[in-house]
Amino acid sequence: MDADFGAEDFIDVVYSDVCEAAVAGVVETMLDPPGRAPASSTVQLHRWFTELPETDRAMVVRALREAADSAVFREVHGQLSLGHSMF
């Protein structure tokens, strides 16, 4: 590993390669489900998302970013409470 590669560099890479990539992938799937015959749940999500007003879509993307950030960075900082779910 490069001696100049510090903690902030690591966070930047994790954020772009994990968080942003995950959000972009989910949004892309909601906009354009992949495959010839996507799963019905994917098609339902696509229909719901594409019928939302643009402001609501932006809020969904914002929520996805919050979820991705929380999932990755709470784990990195050891704050994730394993075995407990809010659902």
PDB file of N, CA and C in Angstrom:
ATOM      1  N   MET A   1       0.850  -1.179   0.000  1.00  0.00           N
ATOM      2  CA  MET A   1       0.000   0.000   0.000  1.00  0.00           C
ATOM      3  C   MET A   1       0.888   1.232   0.000  1.00  0.00           C
ATOM      4  N   ASP A   2       0.502   2.249  -0.724  1.00  0.00           N
ATOM      5  CA  ASP A   2       1.250   3.487  -0.849  1.00  0.00           C
ATOM      6  C   ASP A   2       1.315   4.198   0.504  1.00  0.00           C
ATOM      7  N   ALA A   3       2.496   4.678   0.861  1.00  0.00           N
ATOM      8  CA  ALA A   3       2.675   5.369   2.131  1.00  0.00           C
ATOM      9  C   ALA A   3       1.868   6.664   2.189  1.00  0.00           C
ATOM     10  N   ASP A   4       1.546   7.227   1.028  1.00  0.00           N
ATOM     11  CA  ASP A   4       0.784   8.467   0.982  1.00  0.00           C
ATOM     12  C   ASP A   4      -0.735   8.224   1.052  1.00  0.00           C
ATOM     13  N   PHE A   5      -1.126   6.975   1.062  1.00  0.00           N
ATOM     14  CA  PHE A   5      -2.540   6.625   1.095  1.00  0.00           C
ATOM     15  C   PHE A   5      -2.987   6.600   2.550  1.00  0.00           C
ATOM     16  N   GLY A   6      -3.722   7.631   2.959  1.00  0.00           N
ATOM     17  CA  GLY A   6      -4.129   7.753   4.352  1.00  0.00           C
ATOM     18  C   GLY A   6      -5.581   7.390   4.582  1.00  0.00           C
ATOM     19  N   ALA A   7      -6.020   7.641   5.795  1.00  0.00           N
ATOM     20  CA  ALA A   7      -7.378   7.298   6.204  1.00  0.00           C
ATOM     21  C   ALA A   7      -8.423   8.031   5.359  1.00  0.00           C
ATOM     22  N   GLU A   8      -8.191   9.300   5.078  1.00  0.00           N
ATOM     23  CA  GLU A   8      -9.162  10.042   4.276  1.00  0.00           C
ATOM     24  C   GLU A   8      -9.226   9.500   2.854  1.00  0.00           C
ATOM     25  N   ASP A   9      -8.091   9.076   2.326  1.00  0.00           N
ATOM     26  CA  ASP A   9      -8.071   8.472   0.996  1.00  0.00           C
ATOM     27  C   ASP A   9      -8.888   7.176   0.999  1.00  0.00           C
ATOM     28  N   PHE A  10      -8.731   6.391   2.050  1.00  0.00           N
ATOM     29  CA  PHE A  10      -9.484   5.146   2.183  1.00  0.00           C
ATOM     30  C   PHE A  10     -10.980   5.422   2.212  1.00  0.00           C
ATOM     31  N   ILE A  11     -11.384   6.409   3.004  1.00  0.00           N
ATOM     32  CA  ILE A  11     -12.799   6.769   3.109  1.00  0.00           C
ATOM     33  C   ILE A  11     -13.326   7.221   1.750  1.00  0.00           C
ATOM     34  N   ASP A  12     -12.538   8.026   1.040  1.00  0.00           N
ATOM     35  CA  ASP A  12     -12.962   8.492  -0.290  1.00  0.00           C
ATOM     36  C   ASP A  12     -13.170   7.324  -1.244  1.00  0.00           C
ATOM     37  N   VAL A  13     -12.260   6.350  -1.219  1.00  0.00           N
ATOM     38  CA  VAL A  13     -12.381   5.186  -2.099  1.00  0.00           C
ATOM     39  C   VAL A  13     -13.590   4.351  -1.717  1.00  0.00           C
ATOM     40  N   VAL A  14     -13.770   4.114  -0.435  1.00  0.00           N
ATOM     41  CA  VAL A  14     -14.920   3.330   0.023  1.00  0.00           C
ATOM     42  C   VAL A  14     -16.209   4.038  -0.368  1.00  0.00           C
ATOM     43  N   TYR A  15     -16.259   5.342  -0.166  1.00  0.00           N
ATOM     44  CA  TYR A  15     -17.477   6.078  -0.486  1.00  0.00           C
ATOM     45  C   TYR A  15     -17.799   5.984  -1.975  1.00  0.00           C
ATOM     46  N   SER A  16     -16.805   6.216  -2.826  1.00  0.00           N
ATOM     47  CA  SER A  16     -17.090   6.204  -4.265  1.00  0.00           C
ATOM     48  C   SER A  16     -17.288   4.796  -4.800  1.00  0.00           C
ATOM     49  N   ASP A  17     -16.469   3.842  -4.348  1.00  0.00           N
ATOM     50  CA  ASP A  17     -16.529   2.490  -4.903  1.00  0.00           C
ATOM     51  C   ASP A  17     -17.612   1.616  -4.277  1.00  0.00           C
ATOM     52  N   VAL A  18     -18.060   1.958  -3.095  1.00  0.00           N
ATOM     53  CA  VAL A  18     -19.080   1.140  -2.438  1.00  0.00           C
ATOM     54  C   VAL A  18     -20.400   1.899  -2.336  1.00  0.00           C
ATOM     55  N   CYS A  19     -20.414   2.993  -1.628  1.00  0.00           N
ATOM     56  CA  CYS A  19     -21.669   3.710  -1.386  1.00  0.00           C
ATOM     57  C   CYS A  19     -22.277   4.257  -2.670  1.00  0.00           C
ATOM     58  N   GLU A  20     -21.533   5.082  -3.368  1.00  0.00           N
ATOM     59  CA  GLU A  20     -22.077   5.701  -4.577  1.00  0.00           C
ATOM     60  C   GLU A  20     -22.370   4.659  -5.647  1.00  0.00           C
ATOM     61  N   ALA A  21     -21.524   3.648  -5.765  1.00  0.00           N
ATOM     62  CA  ALA A  21     -21.766   2.600  -6.759  1.00  0.00           C
ATOM     63  C   ALA A  21     -23.043   1.830  -6.432  1.00  0.00           C
ATOM     64  N   ALA A  22     -23.289   1.556  -5.163  1.00  0.00           N
ATOM     65  CA  ALA A  22     -24.504   0.839  -4.766  1.00  0.00           C
ATOM     66  C   ALA A  22     -25.742   1.669  -5.078  1.00  0.00           C
ATOM     67  N   VAL A  23     -25.708   2.941  -4.728  1.00  0.00           N
ATOM     68  CA  VAL A  23     -26.847   3.821  -4.984  1.00  0.00           C
ATOM     69  C   VAL A  23     -27.086   3.926  -6.490  1.00  0.00           C
ATOM     70  N   ALA A  24     -26.024   4.153  -7.244  1.00  0.00           N
ATOM     71  CA  ALA A  24     -26.157   4.279  -8.699  1.00  0.00           C
ATOM     72  C   ALA A  24     -26.733   2.999  -9.305  1.00  0.00           C
ATOM     73  N   GLY A  25     -26.303   1.852  -8.816  1.00  0.00           N
ATOM     74  CA  GLY A  25     -26.808   0.581  -9.322  1.00  0.00           C
ATOM     75  C   GLY A  25     -28.284   0.380  -9.045  1.00  0.00           C
ATOM     76  N   VAL A  26     -28.712   0.735  -7.852  1.00  0.00           N
ATOM     77  CA  VAL A  26     -30.132   0.590  -7.498  1.00  0.00           C
ATOM     78  C   VAL A  26     -30.979   1.553  -8.325  1.00  0.00           C
ATOM     79  N   VAL A  27     -30.528   2.798  -8.442  1.00  0.00           N
ATOM     80  CA  VAL A  27     -31.284   3.785  -9.221  1.00  0.00           C
ATOM     81  C   VAL A  27     -31.359   3.346 -10.684  1.00  0.00           C
ATOM     82  N   GLU A  28     -30.256   2.879 -11.229  1.00  0.00           N
ATOM     83  CA  GLU A  28     -30.243   2.403 -12.611  1.00  0.00           C
ATOM     84  C   GLU A  28     -31.237   1.253 -12.804  1.00  0.00           C
ATOM     85  N   THR A  29     -31.279   0.331 -11.860  1.00  0.00           N
ATOM     86  CA  THR A  29     -32.212  -0.792 -11.940  1.00  0.00           C
ATOM     87  C   THR A  29     -33.659  -0.310 -11.843  1.00  0.00           C
ATOM     88  N   MET A  30     -33.909   0.682 -10.986  1.00  0.00           N
ATOM     89  CA  MET A  30     -35.278   1.198 -10.873  1.00  0.00           C
ATOM     90  C   MET A  30     -35.704   1.930 -12.142  1.00  0.00           C
ATOM     91  N   LEU A  31     -34.766   2.577 -12.806  1.00  0.00           N
ATOM     92  CA  LEU A  31     -35.090   3.303 -14.035  1.00  0.00           C
ATOM     93  C   LEU A  31     -35.209   2.378 -15.240  1.00  0.00           C
ATOM     94  N   ASP A  32     -34.369   1.354 -15.274  1.00  0.00           N
ATOM     95  CA  ASP A  32     -34.320   0.466 -16.438  1.00  0.00           C
ATOM     96  C   ASP A  32     -33.992  -0.955 -15.974  1.00  0.00           C
ATOM     97  N   PRO A  33     -35.008  -1.717 -15.574  1.00  0.00           N
ATOM     98  CA  PRO A  33     -34.748  -3.076 -15.074  1.00  0.00           C
ATOM     99  C   PRO A  33     -33.964  -3.902 -16.105  1.00  0.00           C
ATOM    100  N   PRO A  34     -32.943  -4.600 -15.637  1.00  0.00           N
ATOM    101  CA  PRO A  34     -32.098  -5.361 -16.556  1.00  0.00           C
ATOM    102  C   PRO A  34     -32.743  -6.685 -16.985  1.00  0.00           C
ATOM    103  N   GLY A  35     -32.317  -7.174 -18.129  1.00  0.00           N
ATOM    104  CA  GLY A  35     -32.734  -8.492 -18.593  1.00  0.00           C
ATOM    105  C   GLY A  35     -33.987  -8.453 -19.443  1.00  0.00           C
ATOM    106  N   ARG A  36     -34.221  -9.580 -20.070  1.00  0.00           N
ATOM    107  CA  ARG A  36     -35.400  -9.705 -20.933  1.00  0.00           C
ATOM    108  C   ARG A  36     -36.687  -9.831 -20.133  1.00  0.00           C
ATOM    109  N   ALA A  37     -36.606 -10.511 -19.014  1.00  0.00           N
ATOM    110  CA  ALA A  37     -37.787 -10.717 -18.175  1.00  0.00           C
ATOM    111  C   ALA A  37     -37.409 -10.461 -16.719  1.00  0.00           C
ATOM    112  N   PRO A  38     -37.322  -9.182 -16.329  1.00  0.00           N
ATOM    113  CA  PRO A  38     -36.943  -8.869 -14.942  1.00  0.00           C
ATOM    114  C   PRO A  38     -37.952  -9.452 -13.951  1.00  0.00           C
ATOM    115  N   ALA A  39     -37.494  -9.668 -12.750  1.00  0.00           N
ATOM    116  CA  ALA A  39     -38.372 -10.164 -11.681  1.00  0.00           C
ATOM    117  C   ALA A  39     -39.544  -9.210 -11.504  1.00  0.00           C
ATOM    118  N   SER A  40     -40.691  -9.763 -11.177  1.00  0.00           N
ATOM    119  CA  SER A  40     -41.888  -8.921 -11.015  1.00  0.00           C
ATOM    120  C   SER A  40     -41.683  -7.860  -9.937  1.00  0.00           C
ATOM    121  N   SER A  41     -40.942  -8.177  -8.888  1.00  0.00           N
ATOM    122  CA  SER A  41     -40.687  -7.188  -7.834  1.00  0.00           C
ATOM    123  C   SER A  41     -39.858  -6.018  -8.371  1.00  0.00           C
ATOM    124  N   THR A  42     -38.937  -6.319  -9.286  1.00  0.00           N
ATOM    125  CA  THR A  42     -38.130  -5.267  -9.902  1.00  0.00           C
ATOM    126  C   THR A  42     -38.989  -4.395 -10.810  1.00  0.00           C
ATOM    127  N   VAL A  43     -39.889  -5.017 -11.550  1.00  0.00           N
ATOM    128  CA  VAL A  43     -40.790  -4.276 -12.431  1.00  0.00           C
ATOM    129  C   VAL A  43     -41.730  -3.391 -11.602  1.00  0.00           C
ATOM    130  N   GLN A  44     -42.225  -3.906 -10.483  1.00  0.00           N
ATOM    131  CA  GLN A  44     -43.088  -3.112  -9.609  1.00  0.00           C
ATOM    132  C   GLN A  44     -42.340  -1.891  -9.076  1.00  0.00           C
ATOM    133  N   LEU A  45     -41.104  -2.110  -8.645  1.00  0.00           N
ATOM    134  CA  LEU A  45     -40.292  -1.009  -8.148  1.00  0.00           C
ATOM    135  C   LEU A  45     -40.043   0.012  -9.253  1.00  0.00           C
ATOM    136  N   HIS A  46     -39.759  -0.466 -10.449  1.00  0.00           N
ATOM    137  CA  HIS A  46     -39.548   0.412 -11.604  1.00  0.00           C
ATOM    138  C   HIS A  46     -40.790   1.274 -11.858  1.00  0.00           C
ATOM    139  N   ARG A  47     -41.949   0.649 -11.889  1.00  0.00           N
ATOM    140  CA  ARG A  47     -43.189   1.391 -12.152  1.00  0.00           C
ATOM    141  C   ARG A  47     -43.445   2.444 -11.080  1.00  0.00           C
ATOM    142  N   TRP A  48     -43.265   2.043  -9.836  1.00  0.00           N
ATOM    143  CA  TRP A  48     -43.471   2.979  -8.725  1.00  0.00           C
ATOM    144  C   TRP A  48     -42.510   4.157  -8.831  1.00  0.00           C
ATOM    145  N   PHE A  49     -41.233   3.871  -9.005  1.00  0.00           N
ATOM    146  CA  PHE A  49     -40.210   4.912  -9.012  1.00  0.00           C
ATOM    147  C   PHE A  49     -40.391   5.871 -10.184  1.00  0.00           C
ATOM    148  N   THR A  50     -40.646   5.328 -11.366  1.00  0.00           N
ATOM    149  CA  THR A  50     -40.755   6.190 -12.541  1.00  0.00           C
ATOM    150  C   THR A  50     -42.035   7.029 -12.545  1.00  0.00           C
ATOM    151  N   GLU A  51     -43.028   6.637 -11.760  1.00  0.00           N
ATOM    152  CA  GLU A  51     -44.253   7.433 -11.665  1.00  0.00           C
ATOM    153  C   GLU A  51     -44.165   8.539 -10.617  1.00  0.00           C
ATOM    154  N   LEU A  52     -43.122   8.526  -9.817  1.00  0.00           N
ATOM    155  CA  LEU A  52     -42.957   9.566  -8.798  1.00  0.00           C
ATOM    156  C   LEU A  52     -42.612  10.904  -9.448  1.00  0.00           C
ATOM    157  N   PRO A  53     -43.054  11.997  -8.836  1.00  0.00           N
ATOM    158  CA  PRO A  53     -42.590  13.313  -9.290  1.00  0.00           C
ATOM    159  C   PRO A  53     -41.066  13.404  -9.086  1.00  0.00           C
ATOM    160  N   GLU A  54     -40.418  14.226  -9.857  1.00  0.00           N
ATOM    161  CA  GLU A  54     -38.953  14.349  -9.802  1.00  0.00           C
ATOM    162  C   GLU A  54     -38.456  14.670  -8.391  1.00  0.00           C
ATOM    163  N   THR A  55     -39.174  15.509  -7.652  1.00  0.00           N
ATOM    164  CA  THR A  55     -38.742  15.850  -6.294  1.00  0.00           C
ATOM    165  C   THR A  55     -38.786  14.628  -5.379  1.00  0.00           C
ATOM    166  N   ASP A  56     -39.784  13.766  -5.565  1.00  0.00           N
ATOM    167  CA  ASP A  56     -39.875  12.556  -4.758  1.00  0.00           C
ATOM    168  C   ASP A  56     -38.782  11.564  -5.142  1.00  0.00           C
ATOM    169  N   ARG A  57     -38.469  11.478  -6.434  1.00  0.00           N
ATOM    170  CA  ARG A  57     -37.358  10.614  -6.858  1.00  0.00           C
ATOM    171  C   ARG A  57     -36.056  11.064  -6.218  1.00  0.00           C
ATOM    172  N   ALA A  58     -35.854  12.368  -6.174  1.00  0.00           N
ATOM    173  CA  ALA A  58     -34.638  12.901  -5.548  1.00  0.00           C
ATOM    174  C   ALA A  58     -34.573  12.522  -4.070  1.00  0.00           C
ATOM    175  N   MET A  59     -35.729  12.514  -3.403  1.00  0.00           N
ATOM    176  CA  MET A  59     -35.754  12.131  -1.990  1.00  0.00           C
ATOM    177  C   MET A  59     -35.460  10.640  -1.823  1.00  0.00           C
ATOM    178  N   VAL A  60     -35.939   9.815  -2.743  1.00  0.00           N
ATOM    179  CA  VAL A  60     -35.632   8.381  -2.684  1.00  0.00           C
ATOM    180  C   VAL A  60     -34.129   8.178  -2.840  1.00  0.00           C
ATOM    181  N   VAL A  61     -33.528   8.865  -3.784  1.00  0.00           N
ATOM    182  CA  VAL A  61     -32.076   8.750  -3.988  1.00  0.00           C
ATOM    183  C   VAL A  61     -31.342   9.230  -2.732  1.00  0.00           C
ATOM    184  N   ARG A  62     -31.827  10.293  -2.146  1.00  0.00           N
ATOM    185  CA  ARG A  62     -31.224  10.793  -0.904  1.00  0.00           C
ATOM    186  C   ARG A  62     -31.308   9.746   0.212  1.00  0.00           C
ATOM    187  N   ALA A  63     -32.452   9.087   0.320  1.00  0.00           N
ATOM    188  CA  ALA A  63     -32.619   8.041   1.337  1.00  0.00           C
ATOM    189  C   ALA A  63     -31.693   6.860   1.060  1.00  0.00           C
ATOM    190  N   LEU A  64     -31.548   6.505  -0.219  1.00  0.00           N
ATOM    191  CA  LEU A  64     -30.622   5.422  -0.571  1.00  0.00           C
ATOM    192  C   LEU A  64     -29.192   5.774  -0.177  1.00  0.00           C
ATOM    193  N   ARG A  65     -28.805   7.017  -0.417  1.00  0.00           N
ATOM    194  CA  ARG A  65     -27.444   7.455  -0.028  1.00  0.00           C
ATOM    195  C   ARG A  65     -27.256   7.379   1.479  1.00  0.00           C
ATOM    196  N   GLU A  66     -28.263   7.820   2.216  1.00  0.00           N
ATOM    197  CA  GLU A  66     -28.194   7.750   3.686  1.00  0.00           C
ATOM    198  C   GLU A  66     -28.063   6.301   4.152  1.00  0.00           C
ATOM    199  N   ALA A  67     -28.833   5.412   3.535  1.00  0.00           N
ATOM    200  CA  ALA A  67     -28.791   4.000   3.921  1.00  0.00           C
ATOM    201  C   ALA A  67     -27.434   3.383   3.602  1.00  0.00           C
ATOM    202  N   ALA A  68     -26.911   3.661   2.414  1.00  0.00           N
ATOM    203  CA  ALA A  68     -25.607   3.109   2.024  1.00  0.00           C
ATOM    204  C   ALA A  68     -24.511   3.641   2.934  1.00  0.00           C
ATOM    205  N   ASP A  69     -24.534   4.923   3.187  1.00  0.00           N
ATOM    206  CA  ASP A  69     -23.535   5.549   4.055  1.00  0.00           C
ATOM    207  C   ASP A  69     -23.599   4.959   5.460  1.00  0.00           C
ATOM    208  N   SER A  70     -24.798   4.817   5.981  1.00  0.00           N
ATOM    209  CA  SER A  70     -24.978   4.267   7.319  1.00  0.00           C
ATOM    210  C   SER A  70     -24.524   2.815   7.388  1.00  0.00           C
ATOM    211  N   ALA A  71     -24.883   2.035   6.379  1.00  0.00           N
ATOM    212  CA  ALA A  71     -24.512   0.615   6.376  1.00  0.00           C
ATOM    213  C   ALA A  71     -23.005   0.430   6.342  1.00  0.00           C
ATOM    214  N   VAL A  72     -22.326   1.222   5.546  1.00  0.00           N
ATOM    215  CA  VAL A  72     -20.876   1.065   5.398  1.00  0.00           C
ATOM    216  C   VAL A  72     -20.133   1.706   6.555  1.00  0.00           C
ATOM    217  N   PHE A  73     -20.435   2.942   6.837  1.00  0.00           N
ATOM    218  CA  PHE A  73     -19.619   3.669   7.801  1.00  0.00           C
ATOM    219  C   PHE A  73     -19.951   3.366   9.249  1.00  0.00           C
ATOM    220  N   ARG A  74     -21.161   2.950   9.552  1.00  0.00           N
ATOM    221  CA  ARG A  74     -21.445   2.499  10.915  1.00  0.00           C
ATOM    222  C   ARG A  74     -20.675   1.222  11.184  1.00  0.00           C
ATOM    223  N   GLU A  75     -20.555   0.347  10.171  1.00  0.00           N
ATOM    224  CA  GLU A  75     -19.786  -0.889  10.327  1.00  0.00           C
ATOM    225  C   GLU A  75     -18.300  -0.581  10.483  1.00  0.00           C
ATOM    226  N   VAL A  76     -17.806   0.350   9.686  1.00  0.00           N
ATOM    227  CA  VAL A  76     -16.385   0.721   9.752  1.00  0.00           C
ATOM    228  C   VAL A  76     -16.044   1.240  11.133  1.00  0.00           C
ATOM    229  N   HIS A  77     -16.935   2.002  11.731  1.00  0.00           N
ATOM    230  CA  HIS A  77     -16.682   2.581  13.050  1.00  0.00           C
ATOM    231  C   HIS A  77     -17.126   1.674  14.198  1.00  0.00           C
ATOM    232  N   GLY A  78     -17.572   0.456  13.888  1.00  0.00           N
ATOM    233  CA  GLY A  78     -17.940  -0.497  14.929  1.00  0.00           C
ATOM    234  C   GLY A  78     -19.208  -0.149  15.674  1.00  0.00           C
ATOM    235  N   GLN A  79     -20.061   0.644  15.062  1.00  0.00           N
ATOM    236  CA  GLN A  79     -21.275   1.059  15.747  1.00  0.00           C
ATOM    237  C   GLN A  79     -22.473   0.202  15.381  1.00  0.00           C
ATOM    238  N   LEU A  80     -22.288  -0.697  14.435  1.00  0.00           N
ATOM    239  CA  LEU A  80     -23.410  -1.517  14.005  1.00  0.00           C
ATOM    240  C   LEU A  80     -23.764  -2.509  15.096  1.00  0.00           C
ATOM    241  N   SER A  81     -25.010  -2.542  15.440  1.00  0.00           N
ATOM    242  CA  SER A  81     -25.495  -3.435  16.471  1.00  0.00           C
ATOM    243  C   SER A  81     -25.988  -4.714  15.810  1.00  0.00           C
ATOM    244  N   LEU A  82     -25.158  -5.721  15.753  1.00  0.00           N
ATOM    245  CA  LEU A  82     -25.502  -6.961  15.087  1.00  0.00           C
ATOM    246  C   LEU A  82     -26.605  -7.698  15.828  1.00  0.00           C
ATOM    247  N   GLY A  83     -27.472  -8.319  15.052  1.00  0.00           N
ATOM    248  CA  GLY A  83     -28.530  -9.118  15.642  1.00  0.00           C
ATOM    249  C   GLY A  83     -29.795  -8.332  15.962  1.00  0.00           C
ATOM    250  N   HIS A  84     -29.791  -7.052  15.667  1.00  0.00           N
ATOM    251  CA  HIS A  84     -30.971  -6.247  15.932  1.00  0.00           C
ATOM    252  C   HIS A  84     -31.442  -5.626  14.631  1.00  0.00           C
ATOM    253  N   SER A  85     -32.722  -5.654  14.439  1.00  0.00           N
ATOM    254  CA  SER A  85     -33.307  -5.093  13.234  1.00  0.00           C
ATOM    255  C   SER A  85     -34.485  -4.207  13.613  1.00  0.00           C
ATOM    256  N   MET A  86     -34.662  -3.134  12.830  1.00  0.00           N
ATOM    257  CA  MET A  86     -35.802  -2.266  13.096  1.00  0.00           C
ATOM    258  C   MET A  86     -37.050  -2.767  12.405  1.00  0.00           C
ATOM    259  N   PHE A  87     -36.939  -3.839  11.599  1.00  0.00           N
ATOM    260  CA  PHE A  87     -38.099  -4.370  10.881  1.00  0.00           C
ATOM    261  C   PHE A  87     -38.424  -5.754  11.359  1.00  0.00           C
TER     262      PHE A  87
END
